[in-house]
Amino acid sequence: MTAYLIKYQRRTGVLDLEQFDSLRDATRERLRLDRFNTDPDLEIVAVASASEEHLRVSHSRYFSAV
């Protein structure tokens, strides 16, 4: 199953989406980014999903401003 790393700016609604081959890889990157993140408005999430289309439905709050 494909995994995605979502970087979401809560205040502005800016979204950065990166695709990974596994949830393990996406989670490792999330943990690495979390160590250096000093922005309380930046939400970093790793999610497994069957497709980007499914992700946009299941986690629609991240995509509502896009």
C-alpha atoms as a PDB file:
ATOM      1  CA  MET A   1       0.000   0.000   0.000  1.00  0.00           C
ATOM      2  CA  THR A   2       1.214   3.467  -0.838  1.00  0.00           C
ATOM      3  CA  ALA A   3       1.981   5.911   1.952  1.00  0.00           C
ATOM      4  CA  TYR A   4       1.908   9.686   2.009  1.00  0.00           C
ATOM      5  CA  LEU A   5       3.586  12.331   4.077  1.00  0.00           C
ATOM      6  CA  ILE A   6       1.385  15.358   4.568  1.00  0.00           C
ATOM      7  CA  LYS A   7       2.887  18.662   5.660  1.00  0.00           C
ATOM      8  CA  TYR A   8       0.032  21.042   6.388  1.00  0.00           C
ATOM      9  CA  GLN A   9       0.194  24.666   7.497  1.00  0.00           C
ATOM     10  CA  ARG A  10      -2.877  25.075   9.698  1.00  0.00           C
ATOM     11  CA  ARG A  11      -3.025  28.858   9.502  1.00  0.00           C
ATOM     12  CA  THR A  12      -2.638  29.240   5.731  1.00  0.00           C
ATOM     13  CA  GLY A  13      -3.914  25.890   4.465  1.00  0.00           C
ATOM     14  CA  VAL A  14      -0.723  25.321   2.436  1.00  0.00           C
ATOM     15  CA  LEU A  15      -0.235  21.620   1.769  1.00  0.00           C
ATOM     16  CA  ASP A  16       2.823  19.629   0.723  1.00  0.00           C
ATOM     17  CA  LEU A  17       2.195  15.992  -0.196  1.00  0.00           C
ATOM     18  CA  GLU A  18       4.954  13.432  -0.721  1.00  0.00           C
ATOM     19  CA  GLN A  19       4.443   9.813  -1.784  1.00  0.00           C
ATOM     20  CA  PHE A  20       6.382   6.859  -0.299  1.00  0.00           C
ATOM     21  CA  ASP A  21       6.529   3.159  -1.090  1.00  0.00           C
ATOM     22  CA  SER A  22       5.744   2.179   2.499  1.00  0.00           C
ATOM     23  CA  LEU A  23       4.219   3.590   5.662  1.00  0.00           C
ATOM     24  CA  ARG A  24       7.457   2.728   7.426  1.00  0.00           C
ATOM     25  CA  ASP A  25       9.435   5.040   5.129  1.00  0.00           C
ATOM     26  CA  ALA A  26       6.867   7.825   5.450  1.00  0.00           C
ATOM     27  CA  THR A  27       6.839   7.487   9.233  1.00  0.00           C
ATOM     28  CA  ARG A  28      10.632   7.617   9.411  1.00  0.00           C
ATOM     29  CA  GLU A  29      10.595  10.843   7.439  1.00  0.00           C
ATOM     30  CA  ARG A  30       7.828  12.257   9.645  1.00  0.00           C
ATOM     31  CA  LEU A  31       9.841  11.488  12.768  1.00  0.00           C
ATOM     32  CA  ARG A  32      12.953  13.075  11.229  1.00  0.00           C
ATOM     33  CA  LEU A  33      11.028  16.240  10.313  1.00  0.00           C
ATOM     34  CA  ASP A  34       9.343  16.385  13.728  1.00  0.00           C
ATOM     35  CA  ARG A  35      12.749  16.582  15.407  1.00  0.00           C
ATOM     36  CA  PHE A  36      13.546  19.823  13.592  1.00  0.00           C
ATOM     37  CA  ASN A  37      10.078  21.359  13.392  1.00  0.00           C
ATOM     38  CA  THR A  38       9.777  24.540  15.456  1.00  0.00           C
ATOM     39  CA  ASP A  39       6.583  25.779  13.795  1.00  0.00           C
ATOM     40  CA  PRO A  40       3.533  25.042  15.975  1.00  0.00           C
ATOM     41  CA  ASP A  41       1.265  25.647  12.949  1.00  0.00           C
ATOM     42  CA  LEU A  42       2.921  22.910  10.878  1.00  0.00           C
ATOM     43  CA  GLU A  43       1.202  19.532  11.076  1.00  0.00           C
ATOM     44  CA  ILE A  44       3.200  16.568   9.774  1.00  0.00           C
ATOM     45  CA  VAL A  45       1.326  13.305   9.204  1.00  0.00           C
ATOM     46  CA  ALA A  46       2.202   9.920   7.693  1.00  0.00           C
ATOM     47  CA  VAL A  47      -0.770   7.997   6.276  1.00  0.00           C
ATOM     48  CA  ALA A  48      -1.186   4.772   4.295  1.00  0.00           C
ATOM     49  CA  SER A  49      -3.827   4.856   1.581  1.00  0.00           C
ATOM     50  CA  ALA A  50      -4.858   2.818  -1.421  1.00  0.00           C
ATOM     51  CA  SER A  51      -4.509   5.903  -3.641  1.00  0.00           C
ATOM     52  CA  GLU A  52      -4.170   9.672  -3.538  1.00  0.00           C
ATOM     53  CA  GLU A  53      -7.838   9.924  -4.506  1.00  0.00           C
ATOM     54  CA  HIS A  54      -8.803   7.840  -1.475  1.00  0.00           C
ATOM     55  CA  LEU A  55      -6.516   9.938   0.734  1.00  0.00           C
ATOM     56  CA  ARG A  56      -8.226  13.117  -0.477  1.00  0.00           C
ATOM     57  CA  VAL A  57     -11.556  11.657   0.680  1.00  0.00           C
ATOM     58  CA  SER A  58     -10.423  10.072   3.948  1.00  0.00           C
ATOM     59  CA  HIS A  59      -8.357  13.106   5.019  1.00  0.00           C
ATOM     60  CA  SER A  60     -10.317  15.819   3.238  1.00  0.00           C
ATOM     61  CA  ARG A  61      -9.640  18.511   5.831  1.00  0.00           C
ATOM     62  CA  TYR A  62      -6.070  18.783   4.518  1.00  0.00           C
ATOM     63  CA  PHE A  63      -7.269  19.267   0.955  1.00  0.00           C
ATOM     64  CA  SER A  64     -10.172  21.663   1.491  1.00  0.00           C
ATOM     65  CA  ALA A  65      -8.033  24.759   0.868  1.00  0.00           C
ATOM     66  CA  VAL A  66      -6.367  23.271  -2.251  1.00  0.00           C
END
